[in-house]
Amino acid sequence: MKRTLATLLATFLSAGLILTGPGGARAQEAAPAFTKDPGQVKAGRYRLDPAHGKITWSISHLGFSTYYGQFTDVSGELVLDPKEPGKSTLSVTIGTGSVNGLNDTLNAHLKQPDFLDVEKFPQATFVSTSVDPTSPTTARVNGTLTLRGVSKPVSFDATFNQAGVNPVDKAYSVGFDGWVVIKRSEFGVNAFLPLLGDEVALRLEGEFKLQ
């Protein structure tokens, strides 16, 4: 019995060496190498992955609840300089017609002239003017938001998530989240004020691919 156990143990150990050893033909694939250290991120020009980039908005609904929706047509370009983050730049374009409040009637109304007026203003844009690091993994991104033809200075808080080779598409990727609150009245969206909230919270989520 002892001999049998010893033989089985030796067999399993040998199999493990074959699977994990540096020269084994069946060596296990190395785990993806991700980093949460911004200083280790590759510098360069990145493009927002449209499948993993969106903006979630929320607004007070008559004071009874907070209503949520999204913009799903979002494109963007990021020029990243990890060594000197303040030199990084960001530009984002939002297709206003992609607004989605999870209700067909509401979606149709949000596209009308008293709200986004998507026929006249099919796009909104944000172009950064400066980036102010606030910690090793966070920054204040300052820029100009243009919505309904009105341009205003806006600053949002960005958080670096991680970077590395995406195991699905093998593209080197970097991920960020962002947060900002704007007043819609400043951009000419005055419908149903003050019953519907003036302040609109925007949560930005994006994965960028190195070009």
N, C-alpha and C. Protein backbone atom coordinates (compact mmCIF):
# COMPACT_ATOMS: atom_id res chain seq x y z
N MET A 1 0.83 -1.21 0.00
CA MET A 1 0.00 0.00 0.00
C MET A 1 0.86 1.25 0.00
N LYS A 2 1.89 1.27 0.90
CA LYS A 2 2.78 2.42 0.95
C LYS A 2 3.46 2.63 -0.39
N ARG A 3 3.81 1.50 -1.01
CA ARG A 3 4.49 1.60 -2.29
C ARG A 3 3.58 2.20 -3.36
N THR A 4 2.29 1.79 -3.31
CA THR A 4 1.32 2.31 -4.27
C THR A 4 1.13 3.81 -4.10
N LEU A 5 1.00 4.28 -2.84
CA LEU A 5 0.84 5.71 -2.58
C LEU A 5 2.06 6.49 -3.05
N ALA A 6 3.24 5.92 -2.79
CA ALA A 6 4.47 6.59 -3.21
C ALA A 6 4.53 6.71 -4.72
N THR A 7 4.09 5.66 -5.41
CA THR A 7 4.09 5.68 -6.87
C THR A 7 3.13 6.73 -7.41
N LEU A 8 1.91 6.80 -6.80
CA LEU A 8 0.94 7.79 -7.23
C LEU A 8 1.45 9.21 -7.00
N LEU A 9 2.07 9.42 -5.83
CA LEU A 9 2.59 10.75 -5.51
C LEU A 9 3.66 11.16 -6.52
N ALA A 10 4.55 10.23 -6.84
CA ALA A 10 5.60 10.52 -7.80
C ALA A 10 5.02 10.84 -9.18
N THR A 11 3.95 10.13 -9.53
CA THR A 11 3.31 10.38 -10.82
C THR A 11 2.72 11.78 -10.90
N PHE A 12 2.01 12.18 -9.81
CA PHE A 12 1.41 13.52 -9.79
C PHE A 12 2.47 14.61 -9.81
N LEU A 13 3.56 14.39 -9.08
CA LEU A 13 4.64 15.38 -9.05
C LEU A 13 5.27 15.52 -10.43
N SER A 14 5.46 14.41 -11.10
CA SER A 14 6.05 14.45 -12.44
C SER A 14 5.13 15.19 -13.41
N ALA A 15 3.82 14.92 -13.29
CA ALA A 15 2.87 15.60 -14.17
C ALA A 15 2.88 17.10 -13.92
N GLY A 16 3.00 17.48 -12.65
CA GLY A 16 3.05 18.90 -12.31
C GLY A 16 4.26 19.56 -12.90
N LEU A 17 5.41 18.88 -12.89
CA LEU A 17 6.62 19.45 -13.46
C LEU A 17 6.48 19.63 -14.97
N ILE A 18 5.80 18.68 -15.60
CA ILE A 18 5.61 18.78 -17.04
C ILE A 18 4.72 19.97 -17.39
N LEU A 19 3.65 20.16 -16.56
CA LEU A 19 2.70 21.23 -16.84
C LEU A 19 3.25 22.61 -16.53
N THR A 20 4.04 22.70 -15.44
CA THR A 20 4.47 24.02 -14.99
C THR A 20 5.93 24.31 -15.22
N GLY A 21 6.71 23.32 -15.57
CA GLY A 21 8.14 23.53 -15.77
C GLY A 21 8.41 24.42 -16.95
N PRO A 22 9.51 25.18 -16.92
CA PRO A 22 9.82 26.13 -17.99
C PRO A 22 10.01 25.48 -19.34
N GLY A 23 10.42 24.23 -19.37
CA GLY A 23 10.68 23.62 -20.66
C GLY A 23 9.64 22.60 -21.05
N GLY A 24 8.59 22.41 -20.23
CA GLY A 24 7.59 21.40 -20.50
C GLY A 24 6.78 21.72 -21.72
N ALA A 25 6.49 20.68 -22.54
CA ALA A 25 5.72 20.89 -23.75
C ALA A 25 4.31 21.32 -23.43
N ARG A 26 3.83 20.96 -22.22
CA ARG A 26 2.47 21.30 -21.85
C ARG A 26 2.47 22.35 -20.75
N ALA A 27 3.46 23.20 -20.76
CA ALA A 27 3.54 24.23 -19.72
C ALA A 27 2.28 25.09 -19.75
N GLN A 28 1.79 25.41 -18.54
CA GLN A 28 0.58 26.20 -18.45
C GLN A 28 0.82 27.61 -18.99
N GLU A 29 -0.21 28.16 -19.62
CA GLU A 29 -0.11 29.51 -20.14
C GLU A 29 0.01 30.49 -18.98
N ALA A 30 0.92 31.43 -19.11
CA ALA A 30 1.16 32.39 -18.04
C ALA A 30 -0.08 33.26 -17.81
N ALA A 31 -0.32 33.59 -16.55
CA ALA A 31 -1.45 34.45 -16.21
C ALA A 31 -1.23 35.83 -16.82
N PRO A 32 -2.33 36.50 -17.21
CA PRO A 32 -2.19 37.84 -17.78
C PRO A 32 -1.47 38.78 -16.82
N ALA A 33 -0.58 39.60 -17.35
CA ALA A 33 0.18 40.53 -16.52
C ALA A 33 -0.52 41.89 -16.54
N PHE A 34 -1.24 42.19 -15.48
CA PHE A 34 -1.90 43.48 -15.33
C PHE A 34 -1.13 44.32 -14.33
N THR A 35 -1.26 45.63 -14.45
CA THR A 35 -0.63 46.51 -13.48
C THR A 35 -1.62 47.57 -13.02
N LYS A 36 -1.57 47.87 -11.74
CA LYS A 36 -2.35 48.96 -11.17
C LYS A 36 -1.44 50.14 -10.83
N ASP A 37 -0.20 50.06 -11.28
CA ASP A 37 0.77 51.13 -11.09
C ASP A 37 0.79 52.00 -12.34
N PRO A 38 0.27 53.23 -12.29
CA PRO A 38 0.21 54.07 -13.49
C PRO A 38 1.58 54.31 -14.11
N GLY A 39 2.63 54.28 -13.29
CA GLY A 39 3.97 54.51 -13.82
C GLY A 39 4.46 53.41 -14.73
N GLN A 40 3.79 52.24 -14.70
CA GLN A 40 4.18 51.11 -15.53
C GLN A 40 3.36 51.00 -16.82
N VAL A 41 2.44 51.92 -17.00
CA VAL A 41 1.57 51.87 -18.18
C VAL A 41 2.34 52.34 -19.42
N LYS A 42 2.05 51.72 -20.56
CA LYS A 42 2.71 52.11 -21.80
C LYS A 42 2.21 53.47 -22.27
N ALA A 43 3.14 54.32 -22.63
CA ALA A 43 2.79 55.63 -23.19
C ALA A 43 2.33 55.45 -24.63
N GLY A 44 1.52 56.39 -25.11
CA GLY A 44 1.12 56.33 -26.51
C GLY A 44 -0.29 56.83 -26.74
N ARG A 45 -0.77 56.59 -27.95
CA ARG A 45 -2.11 57.02 -28.36
C ARG A 45 -3.07 55.85 -28.21
N TYR A 46 -4.15 56.08 -27.50
CA TYR A 46 -5.15 55.05 -27.24
C TYR A 46 -6.49 55.46 -27.84
N ARG A 47 -7.27 54.45 -28.21
CA ARG A 47 -8.62 54.72 -28.72
C ARG A 47 -9.64 53.98 -27.85
N LEU A 48 -10.74 54.66 -27.55
CA LEU A 48 -11.78 54.06 -26.72
C LEU A 48 -12.41 52.87 -27.42
N ASP A 49 -12.51 51.76 -26.70
CA ASP A 49 -13.19 50.58 -27.21
C ASP A 49 -14.69 50.85 -27.16
N PRO A 50 -15.37 50.94 -28.31
CA PRO A 50 -16.79 51.29 -28.31
C PRO A 50 -17.67 50.28 -27.58
N ALA A 51 -17.19 49.05 -27.47
CA ALA A 51 -17.98 48.03 -26.77
C ALA A 51 -17.85 48.16 -25.26
N HIS A 52 -16.86 48.92 -24.80
CA HIS A 52 -16.64 49.06 -23.36
C HIS A 52 -16.42 50.52 -22.99
N GLY A 53 -17.21 51.38 -23.61
CA GLY A 53 -17.17 52.80 -23.28
C GLY A 53 -18.58 53.34 -23.26
N LYS A 54 -18.99 53.89 -22.14
CA LYS A 54 -20.35 54.43 -22.05
C LYS A 54 -20.40 55.51 -20.99
N ILE A 55 -21.48 56.28 -21.03
CA ILE A 55 -21.72 57.32 -20.05
C ILE A 55 -23.09 57.07 -19.43
N THR A 56 -23.11 56.91 -18.13
CA THR A 56 -24.36 56.72 -17.40
C THR A 56 -24.75 58.04 -16.76
N TRP A 57 -25.98 58.48 -17.01
CA TRP A 57 -26.45 59.74 -16.43
C TRP A 57 -27.55 59.48 -15.42
N SER A 58 -27.69 60.39 -14.48
CA SER A 58 -28.77 60.29 -13.50
C SER A 58 -29.27 61.68 -13.16
N ILE A 59 -30.56 61.76 -12.84
CA ILE A 59 -31.21 63.04 -12.60
C ILE A 59 -32.34 62.83 -11.60
N SER A 60 -32.61 63.84 -10.79
CA SER A 60 -33.72 63.76 -9.84
C SER A 60 -35.04 63.82 -10.60
N HIS A 61 -35.94 62.88 -10.32
CA HIS A 61 -37.24 62.83 -10.98
C HIS A 61 -38.32 63.28 -10.00
N LEU A 62 -38.68 64.55 -10.10
CA LEU A 62 -39.74 65.15 -9.28
C LEU A 62 -39.44 65.09 -7.79
N GLY A 63 -38.19 64.78 -7.45
CA GLY A 63 -37.82 64.67 -6.05
C GLY A 63 -38.17 63.33 -5.44
N PHE A 64 -38.87 62.47 -6.19
CA PHE A 64 -39.28 61.17 -5.66
C PHE A 64 -38.21 60.10 -5.83
N SER A 65 -37.45 60.20 -6.91
CA SER A 65 -36.48 59.15 -7.19
C SER A 65 -35.35 59.72 -8.04
N THR A 66 -34.33 58.90 -8.21
CA THR A 66 -33.23 59.23 -9.11
C THR A 66 -33.35 58.37 -10.35
N TYR A 67 -33.47 59.01 -11.50
CA TYR A 67 -33.66 58.27 -12.75
C TYR A 67 -32.33 58.12 -13.47
N TYR A 68 -32.09 56.91 -14.01
CA TYR A 68 -30.82 56.60 -14.66
C TYR A 68 -31.02 56.30 -16.14
N GLY A 69 -30.03 56.63 -16.93
CA GLY A 69 -30.01 56.29 -18.34
C GLY A 69 -28.57 56.29 -18.84
N GLN A 70 -28.40 56.11 -20.13
CA GLN A 70 -27.04 56.04 -20.69
C GLN A 70 -26.96 56.70 -22.06
N PHE A 71 -25.73 57.08 -22.41
CA PHE A 71 -25.34 57.34 -23.79
C PHE A 71 -24.45 56.17 -24.18
N THR A 72 -24.78 55.49 -25.25
CA THR A 72 -24.03 54.29 -25.63
C THR A 72 -23.15 54.48 -26.86
N ASP A 73 -23.35 55.58 -27.58
CA ASP A 73 -22.50 55.88 -28.75
C ASP A 73 -21.43 56.88 -28.30
N VAL A 74 -20.31 56.34 -27.85
CA VAL A 74 -19.24 57.18 -27.31
C VAL A 74 -17.92 56.76 -27.97
N SER A 75 -17.20 57.73 -28.52
CA SER A 75 -15.88 57.47 -29.08
C SER A 75 -14.90 58.43 -28.43
N GLY A 76 -13.63 58.03 -28.43
CA GLY A 76 -12.66 58.90 -27.77
C GLY A 76 -11.23 58.52 -28.09
N GLU A 77 -10.35 59.48 -27.89
CA GLU A 77 -8.92 59.26 -28.10
C GLU A 77 -8.16 59.82 -26.90
N LEU A 78 -7.24 59.04 -26.41
CA LEU A 78 -6.44 59.40 -25.24
C LEU A 78 -4.97 59.34 -25.62
N VAL A 79 -4.25 60.42 -25.38
CA VAL A 79 -2.80 60.42 -25.53
C VAL A 79 -2.23 60.40 -24.12
N LEU A 80 -1.61 59.29 -23.77
CA LEU A 80 -1.22 59.04 -22.38
C LEU A 80 0.29 59.15 -22.19
N ASP A 81 0.67 59.92 -21.19
CA ASP A 81 2.07 60.07 -20.82
C ASP A 81 2.20 59.73 -19.34
N PRO A 82 2.45 58.45 -19.00
CA PRO A 82 2.49 58.04 -17.60
C PRO A 82 3.58 58.72 -16.79
N LYS A 83 4.68 59.09 -17.43
CA LYS A 83 5.78 59.73 -16.71
C LYS A 83 5.44 61.17 -16.35
N GLU A 84 4.69 61.83 -17.23
CA GLU A 84 4.24 63.20 -16.98
C GLU A 84 2.75 63.27 -17.28
N PRO A 85 1.91 62.78 -16.35
CA PRO A 85 0.47 62.70 -16.60
C PRO A 85 -0.17 64.02 -17.00
N GLY A 86 0.39 65.12 -16.53
CA GLY A 86 -0.17 66.42 -16.87
C GLY A 86 -0.12 66.74 -18.34
N LYS A 87 0.70 66.01 -19.10
CA LYS A 87 0.80 66.23 -20.53
C LYS A 87 -0.18 65.35 -21.32
N SER A 88 -0.91 64.50 -20.64
CA SER A 88 -1.87 63.63 -21.31
C SER A 88 -3.05 64.46 -21.83
N THR A 89 -3.69 63.97 -22.88
CA THR A 89 -4.84 64.67 -23.46
C THR A 89 -5.97 63.68 -23.73
N LEU A 90 -7.19 64.20 -23.76
CA LEU A 90 -8.36 63.36 -23.98
C LEU A 90 -9.38 64.12 -24.82
N SER A 91 -9.94 63.45 -25.81
CA SER A 91 -11.06 64.01 -26.57
C SER A 91 -12.14 62.94 -26.69
N VAL A 92 -13.38 63.34 -26.49
CA VAL A 92 -14.51 62.40 -26.49
C VAL A 92 -15.64 62.98 -27.33
N THR A 93 -16.28 62.11 -28.12
CA THR A 93 -17.45 62.50 -28.90
C THR A 93 -18.61 61.59 -28.52
N ILE A 94 -19.77 62.21 -28.26
CA ILE A 94 -20.95 61.47 -27.83
C ILE A 94 -22.05 61.65 -28.86
N GLY A 95 -22.57 60.55 -29.35
CA GLY A 95 -23.73 60.60 -30.25
C GLY A 95 -24.98 60.83 -29.42
N THR A 96 -25.55 62.03 -29.47
CA THR A 96 -26.68 62.34 -28.60
C THR A 96 -27.90 61.48 -28.91
N GLY A 97 -28.00 61.00 -30.13
CA GLY A 97 -29.12 60.15 -30.49
C GLY A 97 -29.10 58.79 -29.82
N SER A 98 -27.98 58.46 -29.16
CA SER A 98 -27.89 57.17 -28.48
C SER A 98 -28.41 57.23 -27.05
N VAL A 99 -28.98 58.38 -26.65
CA VAL A 99 -29.51 58.51 -25.29
C VAL A 99 -30.56 57.42 -25.05
N ASN A 100 -30.46 56.78 -23.89
CA ASN A 100 -31.34 55.65 -23.60
C ASN A 100 -31.79 55.71 -22.15
N GLY A 101 -33.08 56.00 -21.96
CA GLY A 101 -33.65 56.01 -20.61
C GLY A 101 -34.46 54.78 -20.32
N LEU A 102 -34.26 53.72 -21.14
CA LEU A 102 -34.93 52.43 -20.96
C LEU A 102 -36.44 52.54 -21.07
N ASN A 103 -36.90 53.52 -21.84
CA ASN A 103 -38.32 53.71 -22.06
C ASN A 103 -38.47 54.40 -23.42
N ASP A 104 -39.16 53.75 -24.35
CA ASP A 104 -39.23 54.26 -25.72
C ASP A 104 -39.85 55.65 -25.79
N THR A 105 -40.89 55.89 -25.01
CA THR A 105 -41.54 57.20 -25.03
C THR A 105 -40.60 58.28 -24.51
N LEU A 106 -39.91 57.97 -23.41
CA LEU A 106 -38.94 58.92 -22.85
C LEU A 106 -37.80 59.16 -23.82
N ASN A 107 -37.29 58.09 -24.43
CA ASN A 107 -36.18 58.25 -25.38
C ASN A 107 -36.55 59.20 -26.51
N ALA A 108 -37.77 59.04 -27.03
CA ALA A 108 -38.22 59.91 -28.12
C ALA A 108 -38.30 61.37 -27.65
N HIS A 109 -38.76 61.58 -26.42
CA HIS A 109 -38.88 62.95 -25.91
C HIS A 109 -37.51 63.57 -25.66
N LEU A 110 -36.57 62.79 -25.14
CA LEU A 110 -35.23 63.32 -24.86
C LEU A 110 -34.52 63.80 -26.12
N LYS A 111 -34.95 63.29 -27.28
CA LYS A 111 -34.32 63.67 -28.54
C LYS A 111 -34.94 64.93 -29.15
N GLN A 112 -36.02 65.41 -28.54
CA GLN A 112 -36.74 66.56 -29.08
C GLN A 112 -36.04 67.88 -28.76
N PRO A 113 -36.45 68.98 -29.43
CA PRO A 113 -35.77 70.27 -29.25
C PRO A 113 -35.73 70.79 -27.82
N ASP A 114 -36.72 70.43 -26.96
CA ASP A 114 -36.70 70.97 -25.60
C ASP A 114 -35.70 70.24 -24.71
N PHE A 115 -35.15 69.14 -25.21
CA PHE A 115 -34.09 68.46 -24.46
C PHE A 115 -32.79 68.48 -25.28
N LEU A 116 -32.42 67.39 -25.90
CA LEU A 116 -31.12 67.31 -26.58
C LEU A 116 -31.13 67.84 -28.01
N ASP A 117 -32.32 67.90 -28.62
CA ASP A 117 -32.44 68.40 -30.00
C ASP A 117 -31.42 67.70 -30.91
N VAL A 118 -31.53 66.37 -30.97
CA VAL A 118 -30.50 65.58 -31.64
C VAL A 118 -30.44 65.82 -33.15
N GLU A 119 -31.55 66.24 -33.74
CA GLU A 119 -31.52 66.50 -35.19
C GLU A 119 -30.61 67.69 -35.49
N LYS A 120 -30.67 68.71 -34.66
CA LYS A 120 -29.84 69.90 -34.85
C LYS A 120 -28.45 69.73 -34.27
N PHE A 121 -28.36 68.98 -33.16
CA PHE A 121 -27.07 68.80 -32.48
C PHE A 121 -26.81 67.30 -32.27
N PRO A 122 -26.40 66.60 -33.32
CA PRO A 122 -26.23 65.14 -33.24
C PRO A 122 -25.06 64.69 -32.37
N GLN A 123 -24.18 65.62 -32.03
CA GLN A 123 -23.01 65.24 -31.24
C GLN A 123 -22.77 66.22 -30.10
N ALA A 124 -22.23 65.68 -29.02
CA ALA A 124 -21.67 66.49 -27.94
C ALA A 124 -20.20 66.11 -27.84
N THR A 125 -19.36 67.04 -27.43
CA THR A 125 -17.92 66.76 -27.37
C THR A 125 -17.31 67.26 -26.06
N PHE A 126 -16.24 66.59 -25.68
CA PHE A 126 -15.41 67.05 -24.57
C PHE A 126 -13.97 67.01 -25.05
N VAL A 127 -13.26 68.12 -24.87
CA VAL A 127 -11.85 68.20 -25.24
C VAL A 127 -11.08 68.72 -24.03
N SER A 128 -10.11 67.95 -23.59
CA SER A 128 -9.36 68.35 -22.40
C SER A 128 -8.44 69.53 -22.69
N THR A 129 -8.23 70.33 -21.66
CA THR A 129 -7.29 71.45 -21.75
C THR A 129 -6.11 71.26 -20.80
N SER A 130 -6.31 70.48 -19.75
CA SER A 130 -5.23 70.18 -18.80
C SER A 130 -5.62 68.99 -17.95
N VAL A 131 -4.61 68.34 -17.38
CA VAL A 131 -4.82 67.21 -16.48
C VAL A 131 -4.02 67.48 -15.21
N ASP A 132 -4.71 67.48 -14.07
CA ASP A 132 -4.05 67.74 -12.79
C ASP A 132 -4.09 66.47 -11.94
N PRO A 133 -2.97 65.76 -11.79
CA PRO A 133 -2.94 64.58 -10.93
C PRO A 133 -3.30 64.95 -9.49
N THR A 134 -4.16 64.14 -8.86
CA THR A 134 -4.55 64.37 -7.47
C THR A 134 -4.05 63.28 -6.54
N SER A 135 -3.57 62.18 -7.10
CA SER A 135 -2.95 61.08 -6.35
C SER A 135 -2.26 60.21 -7.40
N PRO A 136 -1.54 59.16 -6.99
CA PRO A 136 -0.91 58.30 -7.99
C PRO A 136 -1.89 57.66 -8.97
N THR A 137 -3.16 57.50 -8.57
CA THR A 137 -4.12 56.81 -9.44
C THR A 137 -5.34 57.67 -9.79
N THR A 138 -5.34 58.94 -9.42
CA THR A 138 -6.48 59.80 -9.73
C THR A 138 -6.01 61.13 -10.31
N ALA A 139 -6.91 61.78 -11.03
CA ALA A 139 -6.59 63.07 -11.63
C ALA A 139 -7.85 63.88 -11.85
N ARG A 140 -7.67 65.17 -11.96
CA ARG A 140 -8.75 66.09 -12.33
C ARG A 140 -8.52 66.46 -13.78
N VAL A 141 -9.47 66.08 -14.63
CA VAL A 141 -9.35 66.35 -16.06
C VAL A 141 -10.20 67.57 -16.39
N ASN A 142 -9.54 68.63 -16.80
CA ASN A 142 -10.22 69.88 -17.13
C ASN A 142 -10.37 70.01 -18.64
N GLY A 143 -11.49 70.57 -19.06
CA GLY A 143 -11.68 70.72 -20.49
C GLY A 143 -12.93 71.50 -20.83
N THR A 144 -13.34 71.39 -22.08
CA THR A 144 -14.51 72.10 -22.59
C THR A 144 -15.55 71.10 -23.06
N LEU A 145 -16.75 71.19 -22.49
CA LEU A 145 -17.87 70.36 -22.92
C LEU A 145 -18.77 71.19 -23.82
N THR A 146 -19.06 70.66 -25.00
CA THR A 146 -19.97 71.34 -25.93
C THR A 146 -21.21 70.48 -26.09
N LEU A 147 -22.36 71.04 -25.70
CA LEU A 147 -23.64 70.33 -25.74
C LEU A 147 -24.70 71.29 -26.25
N ARG A 148 -25.46 70.87 -27.25
CA ARG A 148 -26.48 71.73 -27.87
C ARG A 148 -25.88 73.04 -28.36
N GLY A 149 -24.64 72.99 -28.82
CA GLY A 149 -23.99 74.17 -29.37
C GLY A 149 -23.45 75.14 -28.34
N VAL A 150 -23.56 74.79 -27.06
CA VAL A 150 -23.06 75.64 -25.98
C VAL A 150 -21.80 75.01 -25.41
N SER A 151 -20.74 75.78 -25.30
CA SER A 151 -19.46 75.29 -24.77
C SER A 151 -19.21 75.89 -23.39
N LYS A 152 -18.91 75.01 -22.43
CA LYS A 152 -18.65 75.44 -21.06
C LYS A 152 -17.45 74.67 -20.50
N PRO A 153 -16.67 75.31 -19.62
CA PRO A 153 -15.59 74.57 -18.96
C PRO A 153 -16.16 73.55 -17.98
N VAL A 154 -15.63 72.34 -18.03
CA VAL A 154 -16.06 71.25 -17.16
C VAL A 154 -14.83 70.49 -16.69
N SER A 155 -14.83 70.09 -15.44
CA SER A 155 -13.73 69.28 -14.90
C SER A 155 -14.32 68.02 -14.28
N PHE A 156 -13.75 66.87 -14.60
CA PHE A 156 -14.23 65.63 -13.99
C PHE A 156 -13.09 64.90 -13.30
N ASP A 157 -13.47 64.10 -12.33
CA ASP A 157 -12.51 63.30 -11.57
C ASP A 157 -12.35 61.94 -12.23
N ALA A 158 -11.11 61.56 -12.51
CA ALA A 158 -10.82 60.29 -13.18
C ALA A 158 -10.01 59.39 -12.26
N THR A 159 -10.33 58.09 -12.32
CA THR A 159 -9.61 57.09 -11.54
C THR A 159 -9.05 56.03 -12.47
N PHE A 160 -7.75 55.77 -12.36
CA PHE A 160 -7.09 54.71 -13.13
C PHE A 160 -7.42 53.37 -12.50
N ASN A 161 -7.87 52.41 -13.31
CA ASN A 161 -8.20 51.08 -12.81
C ASN A 161 -7.03 50.11 -12.95
N GLN A 162 -6.65 49.82 -14.18
CA GLN A 162 -5.50 48.97 -14.42
C GLN A 162 -5.16 49.00 -15.90
N ALA A 163 -4.02 48.40 -16.23
CA ALA A 163 -3.58 48.30 -17.62
C ALA A 163 -2.95 46.94 -17.85
N GLY A 164 -2.93 46.53 -19.10
CA GLY A 164 -2.33 45.25 -19.46
C GLY A 164 -2.94 44.71 -20.74
N VAL A 165 -2.49 43.55 -21.14
CA VAL A 165 -2.99 42.92 -22.35
C VAL A 165 -4.34 42.26 -22.06
N ASN A 166 -5.36 42.69 -22.79
CA ASN A 166 -6.68 42.10 -22.64
C ASN A 166 -6.62 40.63 -23.08
N PRO A 167 -6.98 39.69 -22.20
CA PRO A 167 -6.86 38.27 -22.56
C PRO A 167 -7.82 37.84 -23.65
N VAL A 168 -8.82 38.66 -23.95
CA VAL A 168 -9.80 38.28 -24.97
C VAL A 168 -9.33 38.68 -26.36
N ASP A 169 -9.01 39.97 -26.54
CA ASP A 169 -8.62 40.43 -27.88
C ASP A 169 -7.11 40.64 -28.04
N LYS A 170 -6.36 40.39 -26.95
CA LYS A 170 -4.88 40.48 -26.96
C LYS A 170 -4.38 41.91 -27.19
N ALA A 171 -5.24 42.89 -27.04
CA ALA A 171 -4.83 44.29 -27.23
C ALA A 171 -4.40 44.88 -25.89
N TYR A 172 -3.32 45.65 -25.92
CA TYR A 172 -2.89 46.33 -24.69
C TYR A 172 -3.93 47.40 -24.37
N SER A 173 -4.47 47.35 -23.14
CA SER A 173 -5.60 48.19 -22.78
C SER A 173 -5.36 48.90 -21.45
N VAL A 174 -6.04 50.02 -21.29
CA VAL A 174 -6.00 50.75 -20.03
C VAL A 174 -7.42 51.18 -19.70
N GLY A 175 -7.79 51.10 -18.42
CA GLY A 175 -9.16 51.40 -18.03
C GLY A 175 -9.26 52.51 -17.01
N PHE A 176 -10.29 53.34 -17.19
CA PHE A 176 -10.54 54.47 -16.28
C PHE A 176 -12.03 54.57 -15.98
N ASP A 177 -12.34 55.14 -14.82
CA ASP A 177 -13.69 55.59 -14.49
C ASP A 177 -13.63 57.09 -14.22
N GLY A 178 -14.74 57.77 -14.49
CA GLY A 178 -14.78 59.21 -14.24
C GLY A 178 -16.13 59.62 -13.67
N TRP A 179 -16.17 60.82 -13.10
CA TRP A 179 -17.39 61.29 -12.45
C TRP A 179 -17.45 62.81 -12.52
N VAL A 180 -18.63 63.34 -12.87
CA VAL A 180 -18.81 64.79 -12.90
C VAL A 180 -20.29 65.10 -12.75
N VAL A 181 -20.61 66.26 -12.23
CA VAL A 181 -21.98 66.75 -12.15
C VAL A 181 -22.05 68.07 -12.91
N ILE A 182 -22.98 68.16 -13.86
CA ILE A 182 -23.17 69.39 -14.62
C ILE A 182 -24.58 69.92 -14.40
N LYS A 183 -24.81 71.18 -14.73
CA LYS A 183 -26.14 71.76 -14.70
C LYS A 183 -26.65 71.85 -16.13
N ARG A 184 -27.74 71.16 -16.40
CA ARG A 184 -28.25 71.12 -17.77
C ARG A 184 -28.72 72.49 -18.25
N SER A 185 -29.18 73.33 -17.32
CA SER A 185 -29.65 74.66 -17.71
C SER A 185 -28.54 75.50 -18.32
N GLU A 186 -27.29 75.22 -17.95
CA GLU A 186 -26.17 75.98 -18.51
C GLU A 186 -25.96 75.67 -19.99
N PHE A 187 -26.56 74.57 -20.45
CA PHE A 187 -26.43 74.17 -21.86
C PHE A 187 -27.76 74.33 -22.60
N GLY A 188 -28.67 75.09 -22.01
CA GLY A 188 -29.94 75.38 -22.68
C GLY A 188 -30.98 74.29 -22.58
N VAL A 189 -30.78 73.31 -21.69
CA VAL A 189 -31.76 72.24 -21.50
C VAL A 189 -32.60 72.61 -20.28
N ASN A 190 -33.67 73.36 -20.51
CA ASN A 190 -34.45 73.93 -19.42
C ASN A 190 -35.80 73.26 -19.20
N ALA A 191 -36.11 72.25 -19.98
CA ALA A 191 -37.43 71.63 -19.90
C ALA A 191 -37.73 71.10 -18.50
N PHE A 192 -38.93 71.45 -18.02
CA PHE A 192 -39.49 70.94 -16.76
C PHE A 192 -38.70 71.32 -15.51
N LEU A 193 -37.89 72.37 -15.62
CA LEU A 193 -37.25 72.89 -14.41
C LEU A 193 -38.30 73.63 -13.58
N PRO A 194 -38.31 73.53 -12.25
CA PRO A 194 -37.36 72.75 -11.43
C PRO A 194 -37.87 71.37 -11.05
N LEU A 195 -39.00 70.93 -11.67
CA LEU A 195 -39.54 69.62 -11.29
C LEU A 195 -38.53 68.52 -11.56
N LEU A 196 -37.94 68.55 -12.75
CA LEU A 196 -36.82 67.64 -13.04
C LEU A 196 -35.54 68.35 -12.62
N GLY A 197 -34.64 67.61 -12.01
CA GLY A 197 -33.43 68.21 -11.48
C GLY A 197 -32.61 68.95 -12.53
N ASP A 198 -31.97 70.01 -12.09
CA ASP A 198 -31.05 70.75 -12.96
C ASP A 198 -29.70 70.04 -13.02
N GLU A 199 -29.29 69.47 -11.90
CA GLU A 199 -28.00 68.79 -11.84
C GLU A 199 -28.11 67.39 -12.45
N VAL A 200 -27.19 67.10 -13.35
CA VAL A 200 -27.12 65.79 -13.99
C VAL A 200 -25.76 65.18 -13.67
N ALA A 201 -25.80 64.03 -13.02
CA ALA A 201 -24.55 63.32 -12.69
C ALA A 201 -24.17 62.43 -13.87
N LEU A 202 -22.91 62.48 -14.25
CA LEU A 202 -22.41 61.67 -15.36
C LEU A 202 -21.30 60.77 -14.85
N ARG A 203 -21.47 59.47 -15.05
CA ARG A 203 -20.42 58.50 -14.71
C ARG A 203 -19.83 57.98 -16.01
N LEU A 204 -18.53 58.12 -16.15
CA LEU A 204 -17.84 57.77 -17.39
C LEU A 204 -17.07 56.47 -17.17
N GLU A 205 -17.23 55.53 -18.07
CA GLU A 205 -16.52 54.26 -17.97
C GLU A 205 -15.89 53.94 -19.31
N GLY A 206 -14.59 53.63 -19.30
CA GLY A 206 -13.96 53.38 -20.59
C GLY A 206 -12.74 52.49 -20.53
N GLU A 207 -12.61 51.65 -21.55
CA GLU A 207 -11.41 50.87 -21.79
C GLU A 207 -10.80 51.37 -23.09
N PHE A 208 -9.55 51.76 -23.03
CA PHE A 208 -8.85 52.31 -24.19
C PHE A 208 -7.81 51.32 -24.70
N LYS A 209 -7.72 51.21 -26.03
CA LYS A 209 -6.78 50.28 -26.67
C LYS A 209 -5.60 51.05 -27.26
N LEU A 210 -4.40 50.56 -27.01
CA LEU A 210 -3.21 51.18 -27.56
C LEU A 210 -3.19 51.02 -29.07
N GLN A 211 -2.94 52.12 -29.78
CA GLN A 211 -2.94 52.09 -31.26
C GLN A 211 -1.54 51.85 -31.80
